[in-house]
Amino acid sequence: MNETPLQSPIEQLLDIMARLRDPVQGCDWDLAQDFASIAPYTIEEAYEVADAIARGDMADLRDELGDLLLQVVFHARMAEEAGHFTFNDVAQAISDKMIARHPHVFADAGGTMNEARWEDLKADERSAKGAKSALDGVAVALPALMRSEKLQKRAARVGFEWHDVQGPREKLAEELAELEAASEDERLMEAGDVLFVAVNIVRRYGVDAEQALQAANRKFEHRFRAMERLAAADGKDFATLSLDQQEAYWQAAKALEKIPSKT
């Protein structure tokens, strides 16, 4: 009697998803989903992967990567049911792409990889797919700061770029003045112009705008929570303090950051 060979973990996961999507014996919730309804979960899982990395929690990272992999399997299963492609097609496509994008490793192109070479290879791919604009392929669903930076980089590749950082600095002052003078109906667009130019400035210093704002968010949250703790330790309700009193706690929280922790 021949024994059934053991499944690999990925084969097991693919079978689980097939069972969940089985029209007769599957899960009602899983069967009710489509690409659009699952997309927000896919984005959420990617952020949870990034959060686990930021916290340095490898056990959580393992679990979150599994959750993200499930999203890929889910989308691939729905595509297979509709006759578009399979999970194996997805894996093959990314394998082919990585080989093509690393000619210095998988071919005899020589040299090393850098951002300019990487972008040239990606541009060749877009051209082969029929891209008409330098901005084609910048995903609309990206976080706004990240997308603005990518749009600016694409424009810069074809020469649409200030010669130095002074240009966007002057433009920022102009946009701030326009925001100040804007009517209520105009403020959204004018505020967007301010942020777009700010991204251009930090990009010129080689700083990733999305990462920079994430770092600023973390710093603000850390200091704000420290202010609340300091006020509570003094028996005060932070929300009832005057702005000057709150500012004093802000400065105290900043001062604490400069004191080396004891080990």
C-alpha atoms as a PDB file:
ATOM      1  CA  MET A   1       0.000   0.000   0.000  1.00  0.00           C
ATOM      2  CA  ASN A   2       1.477   3.341  -1.077  1.00  0.00           C
ATOM      3  CA  GLU A   3       1.549   6.101   1.514  1.00  0.00           C
ATOM      4  CA  THR A   4       0.294   9.549   0.550  1.00  0.00           C
ATOM      5  CA  PRO A   5       3.279  11.897   0.447  1.00  0.00           C
ATOM      6  CA  LEU A   6       3.245  14.603   3.073  1.00  0.00           C
ATOM      7  CA  GLN A   7       2.205  18.052   1.889  1.00  0.00           C
ATOM      8  CA  SER A   8       4.567  20.960   2.079  1.00  0.00           C
ATOM      9  CA  PRO A   9       3.322  23.876   4.219  1.00  0.00           C
ATOM     10  CA  ILE A  10       2.509  25.957   1.132  1.00  0.00           C
ATOM     11  CA  GLU A  11       0.576  23.073  -0.428  1.00  0.00           C
ATOM     12  CA  GLN A  12      -1.389  22.716   2.787  1.00  0.00           C
ATOM     13  CA  LEU A  13      -2.178  26.445   2.817  1.00  0.00           C
ATOM     14  CA  LEU A  14      -3.336  26.329  -0.808  1.00  0.00           C
ATOM     15  CA  ASP A  15      -5.599  23.373  -0.007  1.00  0.00           C
ATOM     16  CA  ILE A  16      -7.031  25.159   3.042  1.00  0.00           C
ATOM     17  CA  MET A  17      -7.948  28.164   0.919  1.00  0.00           C
ATOM     18  CA  ALA A  18      -9.477  25.937  -1.751  1.00  0.00           C
ATOM     19  CA  ARG A  19     -11.603  24.305   0.940  1.00  0.00           C
ATOM     20  CA  LEU A  20     -12.666  27.647   2.389  1.00  0.00           C
ATOM     21  CA  ARG A  21     -13.763  28.742  -1.085  1.00  0.00           C
ATOM     22  CA  ASP A  22     -15.536  25.486  -1.915  1.00  0.00           C
ATOM     23  CA  PRO A  23     -19.051  26.420  -3.138  1.00  0.00           C
ATOM     24  CA  VAL A  24     -20.659  23.542  -1.217  1.00  0.00           C
ATOM     25  CA  GLN A  25     -18.601  22.943   1.912  1.00  0.00           C
ATOM     26  CA  GLY A  26     -16.728  26.224   2.202  1.00  0.00           C
ATOM     27  CA  CYS A  27     -16.994  29.182   4.581  1.00  0.00           C
ATOM     28  CA  ASP A  28     -19.802  31.648   3.845  1.00  0.00           C
ATOM     29  CA  TRP A  29     -17.603  34.644   4.672  1.00  0.00           C
ATOM     30  CA  ASP A  30     -14.690  33.534   2.491  1.00  0.00           C
ATOM     31  CA  LEU A  31     -17.040  32.737  -0.380  1.00  0.00           C
ATOM     32  CA  ALA A  32     -18.611  36.189  -0.183  1.00  0.00           C
ATOM     33  CA  GLN A  33     -15.294  37.983  -0.691  1.00  0.00           C
ATOM     34  CA  ASP A  34     -13.847  39.402  -3.897  1.00  0.00           C
ATOM     35  CA  PHE A  35     -10.636  41.251  -4.834  1.00  0.00           C
ATOM     36  CA  ALA A  36     -11.991  44.640  -3.744  1.00  0.00           C
ATOM     37  CA  SER A  37     -13.289  43.449  -0.372  1.00  0.00           C
ATOM     38  CA  ILE A  38     -10.046  41.659   0.472  1.00  0.00           C
ATOM     39  CA  ALA A  39      -7.716  44.488  -0.653  1.00  0.00           C
ATOM     40  CA  PRO A  40      -8.030  46.501   2.600  1.00  0.00           C
ATOM     41  CA  TYR A  41      -7.020  43.427   4.607  1.00  0.00           C
ATOM     42  CA  THR A  42      -4.003  42.950   2.348  1.00  0.00           C
ATOM     43  CA  ILE A  43      -2.876  46.529   2.993  1.00  0.00           C
ATOM     44  CA  GLU A  44      -3.508  46.174   6.722  1.00  0.00           C
ATOM     45  CA  GLU A  45      -1.444  42.993   6.926  1.00  0.00           C
ATOM     46  CA  ALA A  46       1.473  44.673   5.133  1.00  0.00           C
ATOM     47  CA  TYR A  47       1.430  47.450   7.737  1.00  0.00           C
ATOM     48  CA  GLU A  48       1.344  44.888  10.538  1.00  0.00           C
ATOM     49  CA  VAL A  49       4.446  43.255   9.054  1.00  0.00           C
ATOM     50  CA  ALA A  50       6.174  46.648   9.104  1.00  0.00           C
ATOM     51  CA  ASP A  51       5.056  47.198  12.703  1.00  0.00           C
ATOM     52  CA  ALA A  52       6.522  43.859  13.830  1.00  0.00           C
ATOM     53  CA  ILE A  53       9.811  44.784  12.158  1.00  0.00           C
ATOM     54  CA  ALA A  54       9.847  48.200  13.844  1.00  0.00           C
ATOM     55  CA  ARG A  55       9.312  46.522  17.221  1.00  0.00           C
ATOM     56  CA  GLY A  56      11.983  43.900  16.536  1.00  0.00           C
ATOM     57  CA  ASP A  57       9.522  41.126  17.425  1.00  0.00           C
ATOM     58  CA  MET A  58      10.623  38.149  15.334  1.00  0.00           C
ATOM     59  CA  ALA A  59       7.916  35.803  16.615  1.00  0.00           C
ATOM     60  CA  ASP A  60       5.269  38.356  15.692  1.00  0.00           C
ATOM     61  CA  LEU A  61       6.993  38.976  12.352  1.00  0.00           C
ATOM     62  CA  ARG A  62       6.732  35.271  11.552  1.00  0.00           C
ATOM     63  CA  ASP A  63       3.011  35.327  12.291  1.00  0.00           C
ATOM     64  CA  GLU A  64       2.387  38.569  10.404  1.00  0.00           C
ATOM     65  CA  LEU A  65       4.259  37.299   7.341  1.00  0.00           C
ATOM     66  CA  GLY A  66       1.961  34.284   7.454  1.00  0.00           C
ATOM     67  CA  ASP A  67      -1.065  36.585   7.519  1.00  0.00           C
ATOM     68  CA  LEU A  68       0.339  38.476   4.531  1.00  0.00           C
ATOM     69  CA  LEU A  69       1.024  35.234   2.663  1.00  0.00           C
ATOM     70  CA  LEU A  70      -2.583  34.224   3.264  1.00  0.00           C
ATOM     71  CA  GLN A  71      -3.659  37.383   1.463  1.00  0.00           C
ATOM     72  CA  VAL A  72      -1.583  36.408  -1.581  1.00  0.00           C
ATOM     73  CA  VAL A  73      -3.075  32.911  -1.510  1.00  0.00           C
ATOM     74  CA  PHE A  74      -6.597  34.347  -1.161  1.00  0.00           C
ATOM     75  CA  HIS A  75      -6.214  36.647  -4.182  1.00  0.00           C
ATOM     76  CA  ALA A  76      -4.572  33.904  -6.228  1.00  0.00           C
ATOM     77  CA  ARG A  77      -7.383  31.475  -5.410  1.00  0.00           C
ATOM     78  CA  MET A  78     -10.067  33.922  -6.525  1.00  0.00           C
ATOM     79  CA  ALA A  79      -8.102  34.594  -9.720  1.00  0.00           C
ATOM     80  CA  GLU A  80      -7.814  30.849 -10.394  1.00  0.00           C
ATOM     81  CA  GLU A  81     -11.545  30.385  -9.912  1.00  0.00           C
ATOM     82  CA  ALA A  82     -12.171  33.130 -12.477  1.00  0.00           C
ATOM     83  CA  GLY A  83      -9.689  31.593 -14.914  1.00  0.00           C
ATOM     84  CA  HIS A  84      -7.158  34.437 -14.755  1.00  0.00           C
ATOM     85  CA  PHE A  85      -4.046  32.880 -13.164  1.00  0.00           C
ATOM     86  CA  THR A  86      -2.923  30.526 -10.383  1.00  0.00           C
ATOM     87  CA  PHE A  87      -0.681  30.822  -7.336  1.00  0.00           C
ATOM     88  CA  ASN A  88       2.080  29.091  -9.318  1.00  0.00           C
ATOM     89  CA  ASP A  89       1.729  31.759 -12.002  1.00  0.00           C
ATOM     90  CA  VAL A  90       2.217  34.421  -9.331  1.00  0.00           C
ATOM     91  CA  ALA A  91       5.355  32.700  -8.027  1.00  0.00           C
ATOM     92  CA  GLN A  92       6.711  32.227 -11.544  1.00  0.00           C
ATOM     93  CA  ALA A  93       6.059  35.854 -12.469  1.00  0.00           C
ATOM     94  CA  ILE A  94       7.994  37.218  -9.502  1.00  0.00           C
ATOM     95  CA  SER A  95      10.825  34.730 -10.090  1.00  0.00           C
ATOM     96  CA  ASP A  96      11.113  35.867 -13.702  1.00  0.00           C
ATOM     97  CA  LYS A  97      11.015  39.517 -12.613  1.00  0.00           C
ATOM     98  CA  MET A  98      13.776  39.091 -10.017  1.00  0.00           C
ATOM     99  CA  ILE A  99      16.020  37.309 -12.513  1.00  0.00           C
ATOM    100  CA  ALA A 100      15.452  40.045 -15.099  1.00  0.00           C
ATOM    101  CA  ARG A 101      16.121  42.792 -12.548  1.00  0.00           C
ATOM    102  CA  HIS A 102      19.409  41.269 -11.408  1.00  0.00           C
ATOM    103  CA  PRO A 103      21.405  40.782 -14.611  1.00  0.00           C
ATOM    104  CA  HIS A 104      24.635  41.238 -12.646  1.00  0.00           C
ATOM    105  CA  VAL A 105      23.768  38.085 -10.669  1.00  0.00           C
ATOM    106  CA  PHE A 106      21.870  35.854 -13.113  1.00  0.00           C
ATOM    107  CA  ALA A 107      23.475  36.991 -16.397  1.00  0.00           C
ATOM    108  CA  ASP A 108      26.820  38.320 -17.555  1.00  0.00           C
ATOM    109  CA  ALA A 109      25.944  42.014 -17.312  1.00  0.00           C
ATOM    110  CA  GLY A 110      28.521  42.704 -14.600  1.00  0.00           C
ATOM    111  CA  GLY A 111      28.623  45.716 -12.326  1.00  0.00           C
ATOM    112  CA  THR A 112      26.588  46.256  -9.163  1.00  0.00           C
ATOM    113  CA  MET A 113      23.030  47.276  -8.420  1.00  0.00           C
ATOM    114  CA  ASN A 114      22.139  50.833  -7.452  1.00  0.00           C
ATOM    115  CA  GLU A 115      18.952  52.884  -7.469  1.00  0.00           C
ATOM    116  CA  ALA A 116      19.567  54.360 -10.929  1.00  0.00           C
ATOM    117  CA  ARG A 117      20.182  50.954 -12.517  1.00  0.00           C
ATOM    118  CA  TRP A 118      17.162  49.476 -10.731  1.00  0.00           C
ATOM    119  CA  GLU A 119      14.932  52.285 -11.976  1.00  0.00           C
ATOM    120  CA  ASP A 120      16.287  51.863 -15.523  1.00  0.00           C
ATOM    121  CA  LEU A 121      15.375  48.178 -15.460  1.00  0.00           C
ATOM    122  CA  LYS A 122      11.896  48.955 -14.150  1.00  0.00           C
ATOM    123  CA  ALA A 123      11.467  51.639 -16.828  1.00  0.00           C
ATOM    124  CA  ASP A 124      12.352  49.078 -19.501  1.00  0.00           C
ATOM    125  CA  GLU A 125       9.671  46.768 -18.073  1.00  0.00           C
ATOM    126  CA  ARG A 126       7.063  49.536 -18.163  1.00  0.00           C
ATOM    127  CA  SER A 127       8.004  50.417 -21.712  1.00  0.00           C
ATOM    128  CA  ALA A 128       7.675  46.782 -22.759  1.00  0.00           C
ATOM    129  CA  LYS A 129       4.164  46.800 -21.286  1.00  0.00           C
ATOM    130  CA  GLY A 130       3.233  49.836 -23.365  1.00  0.00           C
ATOM    131  CA  ALA A 131       3.701  52.662 -20.855  1.00  0.00           C
ATOM    132  CA  LYS A 132       3.066  56.073 -22.405  1.00  0.00           C
ATOM    133  CA  SER A 133       3.920  58.383 -19.498  1.00  0.00           C
ATOM    134  CA  ALA A 134       6.881  58.599 -17.154  1.00  0.00           C
ATOM    135  CA  LEU A 135       4.309  58.425 -14.358  1.00  0.00           C
ATOM    136  CA  ASP A 136       2.683  55.180 -15.486  1.00  0.00           C
ATOM    137  CA  GLY A 137       2.754  52.442 -12.855  1.00  0.00           C
ATOM    138  CA  VAL A 138       2.798  54.633  -9.739  1.00  0.00           C
ATOM    139  CA  ALA A 139       0.027  52.948  -7.759  1.00  0.00           C
ATOM    140  CA  VAL A 140      -2.878  55.201  -6.787  1.00  0.00           C
ATOM    141  CA  ALA A 141      -3.424  53.277  -3.532  1.00  0.00           C
ATOM    142  CA  LEU A 142       0.015  54.111  -2.102  1.00  0.00           C
ATOM    143  CA  PRO A 143       0.147  56.287   1.037  1.00  0.00           C
ATOM    144  CA  ALA A 144      -0.033  59.891  -0.136  1.00  0.00           C
ATOM    145  CA  LEU A 145       3.462  60.920   0.987  1.00  0.00           C
ATOM    146  CA  MET A 146       5.028  57.842  -0.580  1.00  0.00           C
ATOM    147  CA  ARG A 147       3.153  58.355  -3.829  1.00  0.00           C
ATOM    148  CA  SER A 148       4.108  62.034  -4.052  1.00  0.00           C
ATOM    149  CA  GLU A 149       7.768  61.111  -3.676  1.00  0.00           C
ATOM    150  CA  LYS A 150       7.525  58.441  -6.371  1.00  0.00           C
ATOM    151  CA  LEU A 151       5.767  60.853  -8.740  1.00  0.00           C
ATOM    152  CA  GLN A 152       8.480  63.451  -8.165  1.00  0.00           C
ATOM    153  CA  LYS A 153      11.272  60.931  -8.737  1.00  0.00           C
ATOM    154  CA  ARG A 154       9.695  59.814 -11.990  1.00  0.00           C
ATOM    155  CA  ALA A 155       9.377  63.424 -13.145  1.00  0.00           C
ATOM    156  CA  ALA A 156      12.981  64.125 -12.149  1.00  0.00           C
ATOM    157  CA  ARG A 157      14.200  61.181 -14.265  1.00  0.00           C
ATOM    158  CA  VAL A 158      13.023  63.025 -17.393  1.00  0.00           C
ATOM    159  CA  GLY A 159      14.482  66.369 -16.276  1.00  0.00           C
ATOM    160  CA  PHE A 160      11.457  67.995 -14.603  1.00  0.00           C
ATOM    161  CA  GLU A 161      13.264  69.033 -11.441  1.00  0.00           C
ATOM    162  CA  TRP A 162      14.557  72.175  -9.736  1.00  0.00           C
ATOM    163  CA  HIS A 163      18.313  72.615 -10.117  1.00  0.00           C
ATOM    164  CA  ASP A 164      18.851  72.813  -6.346  1.00  0.00           C
ATOM    165  CA  VAL A 165      16.936  72.829  -3.067  1.00  0.00           C
ATOM    166  CA  GLN A 166      16.508  76.598  -3.163  1.00  0.00           C
ATOM    167  CA  GLY A 167      13.801  76.178  -5.793  1.00  0.00           C
ATOM    168  CA  PRO A 168      11.429  74.124  -3.662  1.00  0.00           C
ATOM    169  CA  ARG A 169      12.253  76.251  -0.610  1.00  0.00           C
ATOM    170  CA  GLU A 170      11.012  79.362  -2.420  1.00  0.00           C
ATOM    171  CA  LYS A 171       8.036  77.416  -3.747  1.00  0.00           C
ATOM    172  CA  LEU A 172       7.133  76.338  -0.204  1.00  0.00           C
ATOM    173  CA  ALA A 173       6.984  79.964   0.947  1.00  0.00           C
ATOM    174  CA  GLU A 174       4.777  80.745  -2.047  1.00  0.00           C
ATOM    175  CA  GLU A 175       2.436  77.820  -1.320  1.00  0.00           C
ATOM    176  CA  LEU A 176       2.174  78.760   2.360  1.00  0.00           C
ATOM    177  CA  ALA A 177       1.134  82.276   1.357  1.00  0.00           C
ATOM    178  CA  GLU A 178      -1.478  80.849  -1.012  1.00  0.00           C
ATOM    179  CA  LEU A 179      -2.837  78.625   1.749  1.00  0.00           C
ATOM    180  CA  GLU A 180      -3.074  81.638   4.045  1.00  0.00           C
ATOM    181  CA  ALA A 181      -5.065  83.535   1.410  1.00  0.00           C
ATOM    182  CA  ALA A 182      -7.211  80.606   0.278  1.00  0.00           C
ATOM    183  CA  SER A 183     -10.948  80.476   0.670  1.00  0.00           C
ATOM    184  CA  GLU A 184     -12.529  77.580   2.538  1.00  0.00           C
ATOM    185  CA  ASP A 185     -13.222  75.785  -0.737  1.00  0.00           C
ATOM    186  CA  GLU A 186      -9.599  76.224  -1.869  1.00  0.00           C
ATOM    187  CA  ARG A 187      -7.844  75.135   1.318  1.00  0.00           C
ATOM    188  CA  LEU A 188      -7.753  71.406   0.626  1.00  0.00           C
ATOM    189  CA  MET A 189      -5.906  71.842  -2.668  1.00  0.00           C
ATOM    190  CA  GLU A 190      -3.608  74.555  -1.345  1.00  0.00           C
ATOM    191  CA  ALA A 191      -2.750  72.466   1.735  1.00  0.00           C
ATOM    192  CA  GLY A 192      -1.925  69.585  -0.603  1.00  0.00           C
ATOM    193  CA  ASP A 193       0.419  71.841  -2.568  1.00  0.00           C
ATOM    194  CA  VAL A 194       2.234  72.730   0.670  1.00  0.00           C
ATOM    195  CA  LEU A 195       2.732  69.070   1.562  1.00  0.00           C
ATOM    196  CA  PHE A 196       3.784  68.154  -1.976  1.00  0.00           C
ATOM    197  CA  VAL A 197       6.530  70.786  -1.977  1.00  0.00           C
ATOM    198  CA  ALA A 198       7.627  69.765   1.535  1.00  0.00           C
ATOM    199  CA  VAL A 199       8.126  66.228   0.216  1.00  0.00           C
ATOM    200  CA  ASN A 200      10.263  67.639  -2.579  1.00  0.00           C
ATOM    201  CA  ILE A 201      12.478  69.447  -0.074  1.00  0.00           C
ATOM    202  CA  VAL A 202      13.149  66.446   2.160  1.00  0.00           C
ATOM    203  CA  ARG A 203      13.681  64.263  -0.917  1.00  0.00           C
ATOM    204  CA  ARG A 204      16.445  66.609  -2.045  1.00  0.00           C
ATOM    205  CA  TYR A 205      18.229  65.808   1.221  1.00  0.00           C
ATOM    206  CA  GLY A 206      17.995  62.099   0.502  1.00  0.00           C
ATOM    207  CA  VAL A 207      15.303  61.539   3.139  1.00  0.00           C
ATOM    208  CA  ASP A 208      12.316  59.239   2.610  1.00  0.00           C
ATOM    209  CA  ALA A 209       9.269  61.404   3.375  1.00  0.00           C
ATOM    210  CA  GLU A 210       7.083  58.531   4.591  1.00  0.00           C
ATOM    211  CA  GLN A 211       9.763  57.273   6.979  1.00  0.00           C
ATOM    212  CA  ALA A 212      10.511  60.804   8.146  1.00  0.00           C
ATOM    213  CA  LEU A 213       6.897  61.472   9.078  1.00  0.00           C
ATOM    214  CA  GLN A 214       6.606  58.087  10.769  1.00  0.00           C
ATOM    215  CA  ALA A 215       9.660  58.981  12.859  1.00  0.00           C
ATOM    216  CA  ALA A 216       8.149  62.358  13.716  1.00  0.00           C
ATOM    217  CA  ASN A 217       4.887  60.685  14.713  1.00  0.00           C
ATOM    218  CA  ARG A 218       6.729  58.290  17.016  1.00  0.00           C
ATOM    219  CA  LYS A 219       8.723  61.118  18.584  1.00  0.00           C
ATOM    220  CA  PHE A 220       5.617  63.229  19.167  1.00  0.00           C
ATOM    221  CA  GLU A 221       3.691  60.313  20.669  1.00  0.00           C
ATOM    222  CA  HIS A 222       6.590  59.412  22.967  1.00  0.00           C
ATOM    223  CA  ARG A 223       6.952  62.981  24.220  1.00  0.00           C
ATOM    224  CA  PHE A 224       3.215  63.550  24.598  1.00  0.00           C
ATOM    225  CA  ARG A 225       2.782  60.405  26.670  1.00  0.00           C
ATOM    226  CA  ALA A 226       5.784  61.478  28.772  1.00  0.00           C
ATOM    227  CA  MET A 227       4.132  64.877  29.371  1.00  0.00           C
ATOM    228  CA  GLU A 228       0.958  63.180  30.573  1.00  0.00           C
ATOM    229  CA  ARG A 229       2.928  60.958  32.949  1.00  0.00           C
ATOM    230  CA  LEU A 230       4.906  63.888  34.341  1.00  0.00           C
ATOM    231  CA  ALA A 231       1.746  65.901  34.935  1.00  0.00           C
ATOM    232  CA  ALA A 232       0.021  62.941  36.575  1.00  0.00           C
ATOM    233  CA  ALA A 233       3.054  62.442  38.844  1.00  0.00           C
ATOM    234  CA  ASP A 234       2.595  66.055  39.960  1.00  0.00           C
ATOM    235  CA  GLY A 235      -1.086  65.381  40.673  1.00  0.00           C
ATOM    236  CA  LYS A 236      -2.277  67.491  37.746  1.00  0.00           C
ATOM    237  CA  ASP A 237      -4.776  66.830  34.965  1.00  0.00           C
ATOM    238  CA  PHE A 238      -2.826  67.607  31.799  1.00  0.00           C
ATOM    239  CA  ALA A 239      -5.943  68.563  29.829  1.00  0.00           C
ATOM    240  CA  THR A 240      -6.807  71.341  32.308  1.00  0.00           C
ATOM    241  CA  LEU A 241      -3.392  73.034  32.190  1.00  0.00           C
ATOM    242  CA  SER A 242      -2.725  76.252  30.327  1.00  0.00           C
ATOM    243  CA  LEU A 243      -0.699  76.125  27.125  1.00  0.00           C
ATOM    244  CA  ASP A 244       2.296  77.631  28.936  1.00  0.00           C
ATOM    245  CA  GLN A 245       2.095  74.932  31.615  1.00  0.00           C
ATOM    246  CA  GLN A 246       1.779  72.219  28.993  1.00  0.00           C
ATOM    247  CA  GLU A 247       4.792  73.659  27.168  1.00  0.00           C
ATOM    248  CA  ALA A 248       6.809  73.406  30.377  1.00  0.00           C
ATOM    249  CA  TYR A 249       6.008  69.699  30.575  1.00  0.00           C
ATOM    250  CA  TRP A 250       6.903  69.365  26.877  1.00  0.00           C
ATOM    251  CA  GLN A 251      10.348  70.793  27.577  1.00  0.00           C
ATOM    252  CA  ALA A 252      10.699  68.503  30.607  1.00  0.00           C
ATOM    253  CA  ALA A 253       9.819  65.498  28.443  1.00  0.00           C
ATOM    254  CA  LYS A 254      12.444  66.563  25.880  1.00  0.00           C
ATOM    255  CA  ALA A 255      15.024  66.919  28.641  1.00  0.00           C
ATOM    256  CA  LEU A 256      14.347  63.368  29.791  1.00  0.00           C
ATOM    257  CA  GLU A 257      15.254  62.072  26.306  1.00  0.00           C
ATOM    258  CA  LYS A 258      18.735  63.509  26.701  1.00  0.00           C
ATOM    259  CA  ILE A 259      19.384  61.719  29.995  1.00  0.00           C
ATOM    260  CA  PRO A 260      21.133  58.378  29.306  1.00  0.00           C
ATOM    261  CA  SER A 261      19.286  55.424  30.770  1.00  0.00           C
ATOM    262  CA  LYS A 262      21.012  53.406  33.484  1.00  0.00           C
ATOM    263  CA  THR A 263      21.931  49.831  32.618  1.00  0.00           C
END
